[in-house]
Every structure is written in C-alpha cells, then in structure tokens.
Amino acid sequence: MKERLKLTLKAWPLITLVTVGLCFLTGAVAESAFGIKLESQQSVEFIRALVRRLCANAGWHKVFFKDLATLVLLAAQVVLILPTLEEVLFRWILWRLPRPAIPIVPAITSSALFSAAHYIQMPWPNDAFVALFFFGMAQCWLYARTGALWCPILNHALFNATNLVLIFVLPS
C-alpha cells in the first residue's frame, strides 16, 4: 500500500502539469493557428464566476455566505464524489472489468468516453478534450501499474483539488 501511495503522489503533479498544459496549449493553438476561440468547461466557468463574486462581495452578508456555501458543496462534489464515481465507471467498469488481451483498446475507449462525458452540455470543440483524454490514459496507466482503484481515485481527487486552487489563483 505504501508503494502504491508513493507512486500515486509522484504521478499526480506530473499528470496534472501535463493535463493543464495540454488544455492551455490546445486553446492557444486553436486560437493562433485557426482563429477559433475554444470554450471552457461549463463547470469551470461556473466556479470562476463564483470566485469572482466572492472576491467582489468580500463583506460578511447573505450573498457572501450563500456563495461560500455553494463553493464548499461544489468543492466536496468535485474533489470527493465525482472522482470516485468517474473512476469506478471509466477505469473499473469500462477499462479494467473486461480484462482484454490488449488493454490499449479499452483504455482508448474509456479515455475518449471520459473526455466526451465532460462536454455533454458543451458546444464542440472544447479547450480540454485532448487534455482530458490524456488524463484518462494516465489514469488507466496508474491503475494498471498499482492494481488498486483507490490510486486513480486519489489522483483524480488531487487533480480536481489542484484545478480548484488554480481557479482561485488564476480566476480569468
């Protein structure tokens, strides 16, 4: 268990850095090379708007408490509930459970579906599709390497928590 935790904690910053970098790179290439402004995930935009409201309403009144409560509940959902549900669905059920002879095909399938699932309500194309596909593949690798589902769940939770912090630090 200790070795699995060490590997997960070593992989987390690298996977996060590459995924976030790919997201920005995809957006920059699409805009500079093709003149296309790619949309962000709706959940990211919602959190950014909430952070801007919190910063603007720094006084202690009802709007602030309502927004703060919303942010705390959203953070719990994004950091605890969703990583668990998504990893069970996309890594365990769609990738690991079939136990194919060539695991790359279900890894690609589960990663593509994982990436697409984040954009069901979004217009296409999006700024993070490629990045989230990479993230899904990295999660499959982590699961294959450790053999424990809790490792990609922890990595996913840390990834989401890091992104929440980044939204606070870089709200625009």
Protein backbone atom coordinates (compact mmCIF):
# COMPACT_ATOMS: atom_id res chain seq x y z
CA MET A 1 0.00 0.00 0.00
CA LYS A 2 2.83 2.38 0.85
CA GLU A 3 4.45 1.88 -2.58
CA ARG A 4 1.14 2.46 -4.33
CA LEU A 5 0.63 5.69 -2.41
CA LYS A 6 4.17 6.84 -3.23
CA LEU A 7 3.65 6.17 -6.94
CA THR A 8 0.30 7.96 -6.92
CA LEU A 9 1.75 11.00 -5.16
CA LYS A 10 4.71 11.06 -7.56
CA ALA A 11 2.46 10.74 -10.63
CA TRP A 12 -0.06 13.38 -9.51
CA PRO A 13 1.99 16.56 -10.15
CA LEU A 14 3.29 15.31 -13.50
CA ILE A 15 -0.13 14.17 -14.72
CA THR A 16 -1.68 17.43 -13.51
CA LEU A 17 1.01 19.59 -15.13
CA VAL A 18 0.77 17.82 -18.48
CA THR A 19 -3.05 17.83 -18.45
CA VAL A 20 -3.34 21.53 -17.55
CA GLY A 21 -0.57 22.37 -20.02
CA LEU A 22 -2.34 20.45 -22.79
CA CYS A 23 -5.54 22.33 -22.03
CA PHE A 24 -3.84 25.71 -22.42
CA LEU A 25 -1.81 24.55 -25.43
CA THR A 26 -4.91 23.24 -27.23
CA GLY A 27 -6.67 26.56 -26.69
CA ALA A 28 -3.63 28.59 -27.77
CA VAL A 29 -3.02 26.54 -30.92
CA ALA A 30 -6.69 26.64 -31.93
CA GLU A 31 -6.81 30.40 -31.48
CA SER A 32 -3.47 31.34 -33.03
CA ALA A 33 -3.39 28.82 -35.88
CA PHE A 34 -7.08 28.63 -36.77
CA GLY A 35 -8.63 31.74 -35.19
CA ILE A 36 -11.01 29.57 -33.14
CA LYS A 37 -11.73 30.53 -29.53
CA LEU A 38 -12.43 27.26 -27.73
CA GLU A 39 -14.93 27.24 -24.88
CA SER A 40 -14.06 26.16 -21.34
CA GLN A 41 -16.00 23.54 -19.42
CA GLN A 42 -19.25 24.95 -18.03
CA SER A 43 -18.31 23.75 -14.54
CA VAL A 44 -15.02 25.66 -14.72
CA GLU A 45 -16.80 28.81 -15.88
CA PHE A 46 -19.39 28.44 -13.10
CA ILE A 47 -16.65 28.17 -10.47
CA ARG A 48 -14.76 31.12 -11.97
CA ALA A 49 -17.91 33.27 -11.80
CA LEU A 50 -18.49 32.16 -8.21
CA VAL A 51 -14.90 33.07 -7.27
CA ARG A 52 -15.25 36.48 -8.92
CA ARG A 53 -18.48 37.09 -6.97
CA LEU A 54 -16.82 36.00 -3.73
CA CYS A 55 -13.90 38.35 -4.36
CA ALA A 56 -16.22 41.24 -5.26
CA ASN A 57 -18.53 40.62 -2.27
CA ALA A 58 -15.81 40.24 0.36
CA GLY A 59 -18.15 41.67 3.02
CA TRP A 60 -19.98 39.47 5.54
CA HIS A 61 -23.50 39.46 4.14
CA LYS A 62 -26.01 36.90 2.85
CA VAL A 63 -24.75 36.80 -0.74
CA PHE A 64 -21.24 36.01 0.50
CA PHE A 65 -22.43 33.17 2.76
CA LYS A 66 -24.65 31.76 0.03
CA ASP A 67 -21.79 31.81 -2.46
CA LEU A 68 -19.36 30.38 0.09
CA ALA A 69 -21.76 27.55 0.93
CA THR A 70 -22.22 26.85 -2.78
CA LEU A 71 -18.45 26.75 -3.26
CA VAL A 72 -17.92 24.38 -0.31
CA LEU A 73 -20.62 21.99 -1.56
CA LEU A 74 -19.28 22.20 -5.09
CA ALA A 75 -15.72 21.51 -3.87
CA ALA A 76 -16.92 18.44 -1.97
CA GLN A 77 -18.66 17.19 -5.09
CA VAL A 78 -15.70 17.92 -7.38
CA VAL A 79 -12.99 16.59 -5.06
CA LEU A 80 -14.72 13.66 -3.33
CA ILE A 81 -17.82 12.38 -5.11
CA LEU A 82 -17.10 12.83 -8.82
CA PRO A 83 -13.57 11.35 -8.84
CA THR A 84 -14.89 8.22 -7.14
CA LEU A 85 -17.86 7.82 -9.47
CA GLU A 86 -15.90 8.62 -12.62
CA GLU A 87 -13.02 6.27 -11.80
CA VAL A 88 -15.40 3.41 -10.98
CA LEU A 89 -17.22 3.94 -14.28
CA PHE A 90 -14.37 4.81 -16.65
CA ARG A 91 -11.44 2.89 -15.16
CA TRP A 92 -13.02 -0.11 -13.42
CA ILE A 93 -16.18 -0.85 -15.44
CA LEU A 94 -15.14 0.33 -18.93
CA TRP A 95 -11.42 -0.43 -18.79
CA ARG A 96 -10.45 -2.96 -16.14
CA LEU A 97 -13.52 -5.17 -15.81
CA PRO A 98 -13.49 -6.59 -19.38
CA ARG A 99 -9.84 -7.78 -18.90
CA PRO A 100 -9.00 -7.82 -22.61
CA ALA A 101 -5.85 -9.38 -24.06
CA ILE A 102 -4.84 -5.97 -25.47
CA PRO A 103 -5.75 -3.36 -22.81
CA ILE A 104 -4.90 -0.35 -25.01
CA VAL A 105 -8.19 -0.55 -26.96
CA PRO A 106 -10.43 -0.28 -23.87
CA ALA A 107 -8.03 2.32 -22.43
CA ILE A 108 -8.51 4.48 -25.53
CA THR A 109 -12.26 3.86 -25.48
CA SER A 110 -12.70 4.63 -21.78
CA SER A 111 -10.45 7.71 -22.04
CA ALA A 112 -12.35 9.05 -25.06
CA LEU A 113 -15.68 8.49 -23.30
CA PHE A 114 -14.30 10.09 -20.13
CA SER A 115 -13.23 13.14 -22.10
CA ALA A 116 -16.51 13.31 -24.03
CA ALA A 117 -18.57 12.95 -20.84
CA HIS A 118 -17.16 16.25 -19.58
CA TYR A 119 -18.67 18.01 -22.60
CA ILE A 120 -22.15 16.61 -22.92
CA GLN A 121 -23.64 20.05 -22.26
CA MET A 122 -20.92 21.97 -24.05
CA PRO A 123 -20.57 23.17 -27.60
CA TRP A 124 -17.90 21.38 -29.62
CA PRO A 125 -14.90 21.84 -29.91
CA ASN A 126 -13.66 22.47 -26.37
CA ASP A 127 -10.39 23.56 -24.83
CA ALA A 128 -9.76 20.46 -22.70
CA PHE A 129 -10.92 17.45 -24.73
CA VAL A 130 -7.38 16.38 -25.67
CA ALA A 131 -6.11 17.13 -22.17
CA LEU A 132 -8.84 15.05 -20.54
CA PHE A 133 -8.19 12.21 -22.97
CA PHE A 134 -4.55 12.25 -21.86
CA PHE A 135 -5.71 12.36 -18.23
CA GLY A 136 -7.89 9.30 -18.82
CA MET A 137 -4.99 7.40 -20.38
CA ALA A 138 -2.75 8.38 -17.47
CA GLN A 139 -5.41 7.15 -15.05
CA CYS A 140 -5.51 3.79 -16.87
CA TRP A 141 -1.72 3.59 -16.61
CA LEU A 142 -1.83 4.39 -12.88
CA TYR A 143 -4.50 1.77 -12.28
CA ALA A 144 -2.58 -0.83 -14.31
CA ARG A 145 0.66 0.00 -12.50
CA THR A 146 -0.77 -0.12 -8.98
CA GLY A 147 -3.61 -2.63 -9.41
CA ALA A 148 -5.65 -0.58 -6.93
CA LEU A 149 -8.65 1.54 -7.91
CA TRP A 150 -8.10 3.89 -4.98
CA CYS A 151 -4.88 5.16 -6.63
CA PRO A 152 -6.57 6.72 -9.69
CA ILE A 153 -9.40 7.91 -7.42
CA LEU A 154 -6.87 9.70 -5.18
CA ASN A 155 -5.00 11.08 -8.20
CA HIS A 156 -8.27 12.33 -9.71
CA ALA A 157 -9.27 13.97 -6.41
CA LEU A 158 -5.88 15.68 -6.15
CA PHE A 159 -6.11 16.77 -9.79
CA ASN A 160 -9.56 18.32 -9.23
CA ALA A 161 -8.42 19.97 -5.99
CA THR A 162 -5.40 21.44 -7.79
CA ASN A 163 -7.67 22.82 -10.50
CA LEU A 164 -9.94 24.42 -7.90
CA VAL A 165 -6.90 26.13 -6.36
CA LEU A 166 -5.74 27.25 -9.81
CA ILE A 167 -9.15 28.79 -10.49
CA PHE A 168 -8.74 30.85 -7.30
CA VAL A 169 -5.19 31.88 -8.21
CA LEU A 170 -5.93 32.46 -11.91
CA PRO A 171 -9.64 33.37 -11.98
CA SER A 172 -9.72 34.56 -15.59
